[in-house]
C-alpha atoms as a PDB file:
ATOM      1  CA  MET A   1      -3.590   0.929 -27.658  1.00  0.00           C
ATOM      2  CA  ASP A   2      -1.643  -1.082 -25.599  1.00  0.00           C
ATOM      3  CA  VAL A   3      -1.350  -2.142 -22.007  1.00  0.00           C
ATOM      4  CA  THR A   4       1.733  -0.163 -21.325  1.00  0.00           C
ATOM      5  CA  THR A   5      -0.647   2.980 -22.437  1.00  0.00           C
ATOM      6  CA  LEU A   6      -3.645   2.051 -20.149  1.00  0.00           C
ATOM      7  CA  LYS A   7      -1.045   1.314 -16.984  1.00  0.00           C
ATOM      8  CA  HIS A   8       0.275   4.649 -17.937  1.00  0.00           C
ATOM      9  CA  PHE A   9      -3.121   6.291 -17.711  1.00  0.00           C
ATOM     10  CA  ILE A  10      -4.456   4.462 -14.294  1.00  0.00           C
ATOM     11  CA  LEU A  11      -0.965   5.894 -12.879  1.00  0.00           C
ATOM     12  CA  LEU A  12      -2.193   9.225 -13.574  1.00  0.00           C
ATOM     13  CA  SER A  13      -5.817   8.670 -13.204  1.00  0.00           C
ATOM     14  CA  GLU A  14      -4.398   7.676  -9.131  1.00  0.00           C
ATOM     15  CA  THR A  15      -1.979   9.896  -8.715  1.00  0.00           C
ATOM     16  CA  LEU A  16      -3.542  13.421 -10.748  1.00  0.00           C
ATOM     17  CA  HIS A  17      -0.248  14.489 -10.996  1.00  0.00           C
ATOM     18  CA  PHE A  18       1.971  13.876 -13.972  1.00  0.00           C
ATOM     19  CA  GLY A  19       5.522  14.044 -11.963  1.00  0.00           C
ATOM     20  CA  ARG A  20       4.652  11.348  -9.652  1.00  0.00           C
ATOM     21  CA  ALA A  21       3.128   9.242 -12.237  1.00  0.00           C
ATOM     22  CA  SER A  22       5.827   9.638 -14.634  1.00  0.00           C
ATOM     23  CA  ALA A  23       8.541   9.018 -11.828  1.00  0.00           C
ATOM     24  CA  ARG A  24       6.222   5.506 -10.881  1.00  0.00           C
ATOM     25  CA  ALA A  25       6.305   4.618 -14.597  1.00  0.00           C
ATOM     26  CA  ASN A  26       9.726   5.458 -14.844  1.00  0.00           C
ATOM     27  CA  ILE A  27       9.553   7.795 -18.055  1.00  0.00           C
ATOM     28  CA  SER A  28       9.577  11.217 -18.788  1.00  0.00           C
ATOM     29  CA  THR A  29       6.873  13.730 -17.995  1.00  0.00           C
ATOM     30  CA  SER A  30       6.943  14.698 -21.379  1.00  0.00           C
ATOM     31  CA  ALA A  31       6.833  10.957 -22.512  1.00  0.00           C
ATOM     32  CA  LEU A  32       3.648  10.479 -20.032  1.00  0.00           C
ATOM     33  CA  SER A  33       2.266  13.436 -21.651  1.00  0.00           C
ATOM     34  CA  ARG A  34       2.655  12.311 -25.268  1.00  0.00           C
ATOM     35  CA  HIS A  35       1.380   8.793 -24.282  1.00  0.00           C
ATOM     36  CA  ILE A  36      -2.062  10.716 -22.932  1.00  0.00           C
ATOM     37  CA  ARG A  37      -2.444  12.634 -25.819  1.00  0.00           C
ATOM     38  CA  GLN A  38      -2.294   9.438 -28.270  1.00  0.00           C
ATOM     39  CA  LEU A  39      -4.717   8.301 -26.154  1.00  0.00           C
ATOM     40  CA  GLU A  40      -7.017  10.863 -26.105  1.00  0.00           C
ATOM     41  CA  ALA A  41      -6.766  10.837 -30.057  1.00  0.00           C
ATOM     42  CA  GLU A  42      -7.588   7.164 -30.166  1.00  0.00           C
ATOM     43  CA  LEU A  43     -10.412   7.511 -27.849  1.00  0.00           C
ATOM     44  CA  ASN A  44     -11.551  10.676 -29.379  1.00  0.00           C
ATOM     45  CA  VAL A  45     -12.529  12.440 -26.365  1.00  0.00           C
ATOM     46  CA  SER A  46     -10.428  14.217 -23.311  1.00  0.00           C
ATOM     47  CA  LEU A  47      -9.845  12.078 -20.423  1.00  0.00           C
ATOM     48  CA  PHE A  48      -8.518  14.664 -18.176  1.00  0.00           C
ATOM     49  CA  ASP A  49      -9.182  18.699 -17.718  1.00  0.00           C
ATOM     50  CA  ARG A  50      -5.627  20.010 -16.870  1.00  0.00           C
ATOM     51  CA  ASP A  51      -3.891  23.106 -16.564  1.00  0.00           C
ATOM     52  CA  ASN A  52      -0.730  24.504 -15.231  1.00  0.00           C
ATOM     53  CA  ARG A  53      -1.558  23.336 -11.795  1.00  0.00           C
ATOM     54  CA  THR A  54      -4.345  20.893 -11.495  1.00  0.00           C
ATOM     55  CA  VAL A  55      -5.154  17.596 -13.636  1.00  0.00           C
ATOM     56  CA  GLU A  56      -9.107  16.115 -13.073  1.00  0.00           C
ATOM     57  CA  LEU A  57     -10.730  12.876 -14.656  1.00  0.00           C
ATOM     58  CA  THR A  58     -13.709  13.966 -16.912  1.00  0.00           C
ATOM     59  CA  ALA A  59     -16.693  12.230 -16.648  1.00  0.00           C
ATOM     60  CA  ALA A  60     -15.204  10.374 -19.762  1.00  0.00           C
ATOM     61  CA  GLY A  61     -11.861   9.895 -17.619  1.00  0.00           C
ATOM     62  CA  HIS A  62     -13.853   7.861 -14.767  1.00  0.00           C
ATOM     63  CA  ARG A  63     -15.564   5.382 -17.300  1.00  0.00           C
ATOM     64  CA  PHE A  64     -12.621   4.843 -19.212  1.00  0.00           C
ATOM     65  CA  GLN A  65     -10.443   4.195 -15.578  1.00  0.00           C
ATOM     66  CA  ARG A  66     -12.708   1.480 -14.662  1.00  0.00           C
ATOM     67  CA  TYR A  67     -12.344  -0.071 -18.357  1.00  0.00           C
ATOM     68  CA  ALA A  68      -8.532   0.320 -18.081  1.00  0.00           C
ATOM     69  CA  ARG A  69      -8.249  -1.285 -14.854  1.00  0.00           C
ATOM     70  CA  ASP A  70     -10.336  -4.525 -16.063  1.00  0.00           C
ATOM     71  CA  ALA A  71      -8.401  -4.353 -19.085  1.00  0.00           C
ATOM     72  CA  VAL A  72      -5.013  -4.855 -17.660  1.00  0.00           C
ATOM     73  CA  GLN A  73      -6.012  -7.295 -15.159  1.00  0.00           C
ATOM     74  CA  GLN A  74      -7.298  -9.478 -17.984  1.00  0.00           C
ATOM     75  CA  TRP A  75      -4.138  -9.037 -19.687  1.00  0.00           C
ATOM     76  CA  GLU A  76      -1.916 -10.183 -16.793  1.00  0.00           C
ATOM     77  CA  GLN A  77      -3.897 -13.249 -16.241  1.00  0.00           C
ATOM     78  CA  ILE A  78      -4.082 -14.398 -20.000  1.00  0.00           C
ATOM     79  CA  ARG A  79      -0.324 -13.647 -20.140  1.00  0.00           C
ATOM     80  CA  PHE A  80       0.319 -15.842 -17.527  1.00  0.00           C
ATOM     81  CA  GLU A  81      -1.721 -18.617 -18.826  1.00  0.00           C
ATOM     82  CA  LEU A  82      -0.037 -19.001 -21.965  1.00  0.00           C
ATOM     83  CA  THR A  83       3.527 -18.444 -20.123  1.00  0.00           C
ATOM     84  CA  ASP A  84       4.962 -21.440 -19.846  1.00  0.00           C
ATOM     85  CA  PRO A  85       4.295 -22.964 -16.059  1.00  0.00           C
ATOM     86  CA  SER A  86       8.006 -23.543 -15.598  1.00  0.00           C
ATOM     87  CA  GLU A  87       8.761 -19.742 -15.763  1.00  0.00           C
ATOM     88  CA  GLN A  88       8.361 -17.429 -12.752  1.00  0.00           C
ATOM     89  CA  VAL A  89       5.123 -15.430 -12.253  1.00  0.00           C
ATOM     90  CA  GLN A  90       5.820 -11.770 -12.792  1.00  0.00           C
ATOM     91  CA  GLY A  91       3.688  -8.675 -12.952  1.00  0.00           C
ATOM     92  CA  GLU A  92       2.445  -6.019 -10.336  1.00  0.00           C
ATOM     93  CA  ILE A  93      -0.646  -6.382  -7.895  1.00  0.00           C
ATOM     94  CA  SER A  94      -1.981  -3.508  -5.908  1.00  0.00           C
ATOM     95  CA  LEU A  95      -2.844  -3.400  -2.195  1.00  0.00           C
ATOM     96  CA  TYR A  96      -4.475  -1.037   0.034  1.00  0.00           C
ATOM     97  CA  CYS A  97      -4.482  -1.254   4.018  1.00  0.00           C
ATOM     98  CA  SER A  98      -3.886   0.900   7.034  1.00  0.00           C
ATOM     99  CA  VAL A  99      -0.591   2.465   8.274  1.00  0.00           C
ATOM    100  CA  THR A 100      -1.080   0.112  11.191  1.00  0.00           C
ATOM    101  CA  ALA A 101      -1.846  -2.818   8.768  1.00  0.00           C
ATOM    102  CA  SER A 102       1.090  -2.276   6.940  1.00  0.00           C
ATOM    103  CA  HIS A 103       3.561  -2.304   9.969  1.00  0.00           C
ATOM    104  CA  SER A 104       1.894  -5.153  11.916  1.00  0.00           C
ATOM    105  CA  ILE A 105       0.528  -7.304   8.875  1.00  0.00           C
ATOM    106  CA  LEU A 106       1.929  -6.610   6.086  1.00  0.00           C
ATOM    107  CA  VAL A 107       5.364  -7.108   6.836  1.00  0.00           C
ATOM    108  CA  ASP A 108       5.299 -10.528   7.683  1.00  0.00           C
ATOM    109  CA  LEU A 109       3.286 -11.347   4.739  1.00  0.00           C
ATOM    110  CA  LEU A 110       5.551  -9.810   2.090  1.00  0.00           C
ATOM    111  CA  ASN A 111       8.081 -11.516   4.140  1.00  0.00           C
ATOM    112  CA  SER A 112       6.906 -14.914   3.211  1.00  0.00           C
ATOM    113  CA  PHE A 113       5.751 -13.870  -0.536  1.00  0.00           C
ATOM    114  CA  ARG A 114       9.159 -11.832  -1.697  1.00  0.00           C
ATOM    115  CA  PRO A 115      11.543 -15.270  -1.476  1.00  0.00           C
ATOM    116  CA  ALA A 116       8.847 -17.272  -3.212  1.00  0.00           C
ATOM    117  CA  HIS A 117       7.674 -14.510  -5.689  1.00  0.00           C
ATOM    118  CA  PRO A 118      10.607 -12.190  -6.641  1.00  0.00           C
ATOM    119  CA  GLY A 119       9.073 -11.245 -10.026  1.00  0.00           C
ATOM    120  CA  VAL A 120       6.210  -9.854  -8.318  1.00  0.00           C
ATOM    121  CA  GLU A 121       5.960  -6.181  -7.576  1.00  0.00           C
ATOM    122  CA  ILE A 122       3.546  -5.131  -4.436  1.00  0.00           C
ATOM    123  CA  ARG A 123       2.166  -1.398  -5.449  1.00  0.00           C
ATOM    124  CA  LEU A 124       0.908  -0.520  -2.068  1.00  0.00           C
ATOM    125  CA  GLN A 125      -1.418   2.446  -1.077  1.00  0.00           C
ATOM    126  CA  THR A 126      -2.181   3.058   2.443  1.00  0.00           C
ATOM    127  CA  GLY A 127      -5.395   4.939   3.819  1.00  0.00           C
ATOM    128  CA  ASP A 128      -8.295   4.879   5.894  1.00  0.00           C
ATOM    129  CA  PRO A 129      -9.292   1.166   6.378  1.00  0.00           C
ATOM    130  CA  GLU A 130     -13.291   2.114   5.900  1.00  0.00           C
ATOM    131  CA  TYR A 131     -12.942   2.623   2.190  1.00  0.00           C
ATOM    132  CA  ALA A 132     -10.964  -0.760   1.946  1.00  0.00           C
ATOM    133  CA  ILE A 133     -13.598  -2.919   0.725  1.00  0.00           C
ATOM    134  CA  ASP A 134     -14.895  -0.189  -2.116  1.00  0.00           C
ATOM    135  CA  ARG A 135     -11.694   0.400  -3.577  1.00  0.00           C
ATOM    136  CA  VAL A 136     -11.132  -3.380  -4.292  1.00  0.00           C
ATOM    137  CA  VAL A 137     -15.044  -3.498  -5.507  1.00  0.00           C
ATOM    138  CA  ALA A 138     -14.194  -0.366  -7.855  1.00  0.00           C
ATOM    139  CA  LEU A 139     -11.484  -2.424  -9.347  1.00  0.00           C
ATOM    140  CA  GLU A 140      -8.933   0.398  -7.625  1.00  0.00           C
ATOM    141  CA  GLU A 141      -7.321  -2.418  -5.994  1.00  0.00           C
ATOM    142  CA  ASP A 142      -6.659  -5.803  -6.488  1.00  0.00           C
ATOM    143  CA  LEU A 143      -6.430  -6.594  -2.728  1.00  0.00           C
ATOM    144  CA  ALA A 144      -6.869  -5.329   0.878  1.00  0.00           C
ATOM    145  CA  ILE A 145      -6.569  -5.579   4.556  1.00  0.00           C
ATOM    146  CA  ALA A 146      -9.193  -4.294   6.519  1.00  0.00           C
ATOM    147  CA  ALA A 147     -11.673  -5.911   9.140  1.00  0.00           C
ATOM    148  CA  ARG A 148     -14.489  -7.630   7.916  1.00  0.00           C
ATOM    149  CA  PRO A 149     -18.159  -6.150   8.128  1.00  0.00           C
ATOM    150  CA  ASP A 150     -21.292  -7.386   9.331  1.00  0.00           C
ATOM    151  CA  SER A 151     -22.112  -8.329   5.399  1.00  0.00           C
ATOM    152  CA  LEU A 152     -19.885  -8.347   2.575  1.00  0.00           C
ATOM    153  CA  PRO A 153     -21.240  -7.723  -1.117  1.00  0.00           C
ATOM    154  CA  ALA A 154     -21.707 -11.077  -3.060  1.00  0.00           C
ATOM    155  CA  ALA A 155     -18.595 -10.296  -5.427  1.00  0.00           C
ATOM    156  CA  VAL A 156     -16.207 -10.065  -2.476  1.00  0.00           C
ATOM    157  CA  ARG A 157     -14.164 -12.726  -0.715  1.00  0.00           C
ATOM    158  CA  PHE A 158     -12.573 -12.789   2.721  1.00  0.00           C
ATOM    159  CA  LYS A 159      -9.704 -14.745   4.266  1.00  0.00           C
ATOM    160  CA  PRO A 160      -9.123 -14.015   8.199  1.00  0.00           C
ATOM    161  CA  ILE A 161      -5.617 -13.265   8.927  1.00  0.00           C
ATOM    162  CA  ARG A 162      -6.150 -12.527  13.147  1.00  0.00           C
ATOM    163  CA  THR A 163      -8.630 -11.204  15.588  1.00  0.00           C
ATOM    164  CA  SER A 164      -7.746  -7.562  17.355  1.00  0.00           C
ATOM    165  CA  PRO A 165     -10.683  -6.263  20.643  1.00  0.00           C
ATOM    166  CA  LEU A 166     -11.919  -3.320  20.239  1.00  0.00           C
ATOM    167  CA  VAL A 167     -10.959  -1.428  23.410  1.00  0.00           C
ATOM    168  CA  PHE A 168     -11.894   2.198  24.969  1.00  0.00           C
ATOM    169  CA  ILE A 169      -8.623   3.672  25.592  1.00  0.00           C
ATOM    170  CA  ALA A 170      -8.229   6.540  28.008  1.00  0.00           C
ATOM    171  CA  PRO A 171      -5.177   9.297  28.716  1.00  0.00           C
ATOM    172  CA  VAL A 172      -2.776   8.358  31.520  1.00  0.00           C
ATOM    173  CA  GLU A 173      -2.773  12.212  32.801  1.00  0.00           C
ATOM    174  CA  SER A 174      -5.518  14.799  31.896  1.00  0.00           C
ATOM    175  CA  ALA A 175      -6.678  17.944  33.414  1.00  0.00           C
ATOM    176  CA  ASP A 176     -10.283  17.307  32.588  1.00  0.00           C
ATOM    177  CA  PRO A 177     -12.072  16.244  35.936  1.00  0.00           C
ATOM    178  CA  SER A 178     -14.471  14.143  33.933  1.00  0.00           C
ATOM    179  CA  LEU A 179     -12.106  11.740  33.253  1.00  0.00           C
ATOM    180  CA  ALA A 180     -10.574  11.233  36.695  1.00  0.00           C
ATOM    181  CA  GLN A 181     -12.459   7.967  37.484  1.00  0.00           C
ATOM    182  CA  LEU A 182     -13.275   5.546  34.769  1.00  0.00           C
ATOM    183  CA  PRO A 183     -14.757   3.775  33.399  1.00  0.00           C
ATOM    184  CA  PRO A 184     -17.934   5.083  35.436  1.00  0.00           C
ATOM    185  CA  ALA A 185     -19.706   3.145  37.801  1.00  0.00           C
ATOM    186  CA  ASP A 186     -23.366   4.296  36.840  1.00  0.00           C
ATOM    187  CA  PRO A 187     -23.811   4.150  32.956  1.00  0.00           C
ATOM    188  CA  GLY A 188     -25.372   7.200  33.070  1.00  0.00           C
ATOM    189  CA  ASP A 189     -22.457   8.911  33.660  1.00  0.00           C
ATOM    190  CA  TRP A 190     -21.013   8.128  30.133  1.00  0.00           C
ATOM    191  CA  GLN A 191     -23.281  11.164  28.878  1.00  0.00           C
ATOM    192  CA  GLN A 192     -20.711  13.448  30.619  1.00  0.00           C
ATOM    193  CA  ILE A 193     -17.071  11.852  29.518  1.00  0.00           C
ATOM    194  CA  PRO A 194     -15.647  13.208  26.028  1.00  0.00           C
ATOM    195  CA  MET A 195     -15.503  10.524  23.302  1.00  0.00           C
ATOM    196  CA  ILE A 196     -13.102  10.808  20.352  1.00  0.00           C
ATOM    197  CA  LEU A 197     -14.845   8.389  17.700  1.00  0.00           C
ATOM    198  CA  ALA A 198     -14.250   7.371  14.538  1.00  0.00           C
ATOM    199  CA  ALA A 199     -16.476   9.285  11.848  1.00  0.00           C
ATOM    200  CA  GLY A 200     -17.708   6.272  10.680  1.00  0.00           C
ATOM    201  CA  GLY A 201     -16.547   2.588   9.516  1.00  0.00           C
ATOM    202  CA  ILE A 202     -16.982  -0.704  11.788  1.00  0.00           C
ATOM    203  CA  ALA A 203     -15.868   0.515  14.955  1.00  0.00           C
ATOM    204  CA  ARG A 204     -18.200   4.020  14.887  1.00  0.00           C
ATOM    205  CA  ARG A 205     -21.131   1.514  14.451  1.00  0.00           C
ATOM    206  CA  ARG A 206     -20.258  -0.741  17.219  1.00  0.00           C
ATOM    207  CA  VAL A 207     -19.565   1.982  19.605  1.00  0.00           C
ATOM    208  CA  ASP A 208     -23.123   3.374  18.490  1.00  0.00           C
ATOM    209  CA  THR A 209     -24.912   0.225  19.176  1.00  0.00           C
ATOM    210  CA  TRP A 210     -23.152  -0.081  22.591  1.00  0.00           C
ATOM    211  CA  PHE A 211     -24.378   3.582  23.764  1.00  0.00           C
ATOM    212  CA  ARG A 212     -27.905   2.608  22.254  1.00  0.00           C
ATOM    213  CA  THR A 213     -28.317  -0.559  24.494  1.00  0.00           C
ATOM    214  CA  LEU A 214     -27.146   1.411  27.645  1.00  0.00           C
ATOM    215  CA  ASP A 215     -29.844   4.224  26.615  1.00  0.00           C
ATOM    216  CA  VAL A 216     -26.998   6.664  26.698  1.00  0.00           C
ATOM    217  CA  THR A 217     -26.234   9.458  24.192  1.00  0.00           C
ATOM    218  CA  PRO A 218     -22.290  10.247  24.369  1.00  0.00           C
ATOM    219  CA  LYS A 219     -20.971  13.237  24.769  1.00  0.00           C
ATOM    220  CA  ILE A 220     -18.888  13.317  21.510  1.00  0.00           C
ATOM    221  CA  TYR A 221     -15.747  16.090  21.364  1.00  0.00           C
ATOM    222  CA  ALA A 222     -14.447  14.847  18.114  1.00  0.00           C
ATOM    223  CA  GLN A 223     -15.034  12.590  15.324  1.00  0.00           C
ATOM    224  CA  VAL A 224     -11.846  11.576  13.505  1.00  0.00           C
ATOM    225  CA  ALA A 225     -10.734   9.876  10.173  1.00  0.00           C
ATOM    226  CA  GLY A 226      -8.075   7.380  11.160  1.00  0.00           C
ATOM    227  CA  ASN A 227      -7.528   5.273  14.298  1.00  0.00           C
ATOM    228  CA  GLU A 228      -4.292   6.235  14.824  1.00  0.00           C
ATOM    229  CA  ALA A 229      -5.472  10.219  14.916  1.00  0.00           C
ATOM    230  CA  ILE A 230      -7.992   8.796  17.691  1.00  0.00           C
ATOM    231  CA  VAL A 231      -4.919   7.433  19.981  1.00  0.00           C
ATOM    232  CA  SER A 232      -3.036  10.528  19.343  1.00  0.00           C
ATOM    233  CA  MET A 233      -5.897  12.830  20.432  1.00  0.00           C
ATOM    234  CA  VAL A 234      -6.658  10.682  23.800  1.00  0.00           C
ATOM    235  CA  SER A 235      -2.863  10.700  24.653  1.00  0.00           C
ATOM    236  CA  LEU A 236      -3.400  14.566  24.797  1.00  0.00           C
ATOM    237  CA  GLY A 237      -6.111  14.313  27.398  1.00  0.00           C
ATOM    238  CA  LEU A 238      -8.746  15.468  25.298  1.00  0.00           C
ATOM    239  CA  GLY A 239     -11.224  12.320  25.911  1.00  0.00           C
ATOM    240  CA  ILE A 240     -12.088   8.931  25.467  1.00  0.00           C
ATOM    241  CA  GLY A 241     -11.526   6.826  22.322  1.00  0.00           C
ATOM    242  CA  VAL A 242     -12.161   3.421  21.169  1.00  0.00           C
ATOM    243  CA  VAL A 243      -9.780   1.581  18.673  1.00  0.00           C
ATOM    244  CA  PRO A 244      -8.811  -2.139  17.908  1.00  0.00           C
ATOM    245  CA  LYS A 245      -6.339  -3.002  20.141  1.00  0.00           C
ATOM    246  CA  ILE A 246      -3.442  -4.029  17.119  1.00  0.00           C
ATOM    247  CA  VAL A 247      -3.991   0.191  16.330  1.00  0.00           C
ATOM    248  CA  LEU A 248      -2.688   0.718  20.119  1.00  0.00           C
ATOM    249  CA  ASP A 249      -0.077  -1.715  20.234  1.00  0.00           C
ATOM    250  CA  ASN A 250       1.621  -0.309  16.966  1.00  0.00           C
ATOM    251  CA  SER A 251       1.278   3.325  18.061  1.00  0.00           C
ATOM    252  CA  PRO A 252       4.055   5.546  19.327  1.00  0.00           C
ATOM    253  CA  HIS A 253       1.208   7.209  21.785  1.00  0.00           C
ATOM    254  CA  ALA A 254       0.720   3.639  23.716  1.00  0.00           C
ATOM    255  CA  ALA A 255       2.519   4.602  26.745  1.00  0.00           C
ATOM    256  CA  ARG A 256       0.429   7.635  27.423  1.00  0.00           C
ATOM    257  CA  VAL A 257      -2.817   5.846  27.302  1.00  0.00           C
ATOM    258  CA  ARG A 258      -4.630   3.341  29.161  1.00  0.00           C
ATOM    259  CA  VAL A 259      -7.082   0.536  28.253  1.00  0.00           C
ATOM    260  CA  LEU A 260     -10.340   0.591  30.090  1.00  0.00           C
ATOM    261  CA  ASP A 261     -12.259  -2.675  31.906  1.00  0.00           C
ATOM    262  CA  VAL A 262     -15.156  -1.912  30.071  1.00  0.00           C
ATOM    263  CA  LYS A 263     -18.181  -3.839  30.443  1.00  0.00           C
ATOM    264  CA  PRO A 264     -19.945  -5.151  28.150  1.00  0.00           C
ATOM    265  CA  GLU A 265     -17.098  -5.709  25.573  1.00  0.00           C
ATOM    266  CA  LEU A 266     -17.284  -4.627  22.417  1.00  0.00           C
ATOM    267  CA  ASP A 267     -17.178  -7.168  19.760  1.00  0.00           C
ATOM    268  CA  ALA A 268     -13.801  -7.484  18.109  1.00  0.00           C
ATOM    269  CA  TYR A 269     -12.291  -6.657  14.955  1.00  0.00           C
ATOM    270  CA  ASP A 270     -11.493  -9.674  12.484  1.00  0.00           C
ATOM    271  CA  LEU A 271      -9.020  -8.575  10.106  1.00  0.00           C
ATOM    272  CA  GLY A 272      -8.166 -10.215   7.003  1.00  0.00           C
ATOM    273  CA  LEU A 273      -7.600  -9.986   3.153  1.00  0.00           C
ATOM    274  CA  PHE A 274     -10.105  -8.794   0.842  1.00  0.00           C
ATOM    275  CA  THR A 275     -10.305  -9.681  -3.176  1.00  0.00           C
ATOM    276  CA  LEU A 276     -12.875  -9.884  -5.649  1.00  0.00           C
ATOM    277  CA  LYS A 277     -14.018 -13.467  -6.618  1.00  0.00           C
ATOM    278  CA  ARG A 278     -12.859 -12.793 -10.391  1.00  0.00           C
ATOM    279  CA  HIS A 279      -9.574 -11.784  -9.005  1.00  0.00           C
ATOM    280  CA  LEU A 280      -8.358 -15.210  -7.953  1.00  0.00           C
ATOM    281  CA  ASN A 281      -8.189 -16.484 -11.391  1.00  0.00           C
ATOM    282  CA  ASN A 282      -5.049 -14.018 -11.563  1.00  0.00           C
ATOM    283  CA  PRO A 283      -2.030 -15.834 -10.375  1.00  0.00           C
ATOM    284  CA  LEU A 284      -0.527 -12.910  -9.087  1.00  0.00           C
ATOM    285  CA  VAL A 285      -3.521 -12.495  -6.886  1.00  0.00           C
ATOM    286  CA  ASN A 286      -4.061 -16.149  -6.155  1.00  0.00           C
ATOM    287  CA  ALA A 287      -0.454 -16.412  -5.217  1.00  0.00           C
ATOM    288  CA  PHE A 288      -0.609 -13.601  -2.094  1.00  0.00           C
ATOM    289  CA  TRP A 289      -4.079 -14.913  -1.432  1.00  0.00           C
ATOM    290  CA  SER A 290      -2.093 -18.515  -1.042  1.00  0.00           C
ATOM    291  CA  LEU A 291       0.094 -16.992   1.686  1.00  0.00           C
ATOM    292  CA  LEU A 292      -2.831 -17.444   4.244  1.00  0.00           C
END
């Protein structure tokens, strides 16, 4: 078993697709398949259930995935410790963030990081920021950019980047008469206004708390995964949404929505970088962490 084989396993376990994994590994599909078979023979277990159409991790594969990520991270760390300090830091780190964060935050970080560490490759995954911390804790990613929750797991470290208000947004135009006069003068009138809210996460918890403070049960029109989708639905005139202002500022639909002057205001988002405390011993992770 070698580190390259472990990296190939990790790629396949993340993509669950031989074609995509082999392309990212810069090897042929047949070579990747051969490496996986050799690994399974060495372990004497099946790591994947596969047929002509699907690839899925077995129970043993899920257990081995965590080991493989941990082993590769430790290999990168010891390799750096044994390398001549005058040589450039080289290797790969993984980072997870939302599409909005990749446009608004990551660009500036990479513009600073690339010239200083040209030998380090960033493997970027984008998705719902609600899962950012969980992915770091599960060793699926080295770093993540997201909003800081009210409490953090003990093993996780956070470094702030910027603050973004959490705002109520309404469509500029709508055929719904309940959206004619906003925000409502009477707090009780919020019960008649269709709301488009995040299905979960920090924003949803803060909105739920806000409505409970008003003693109002909101009329939920839709629950959406992803803040970008909330802006899109509000722009169509379907209801009122709540999103971080940084999402609105980077949305192609920004001109079709407006920010409401709602009181009391929701607590702002503290956006920043997450990693595990142990990962700060990894020179590649520490190099990126030190940008802030």
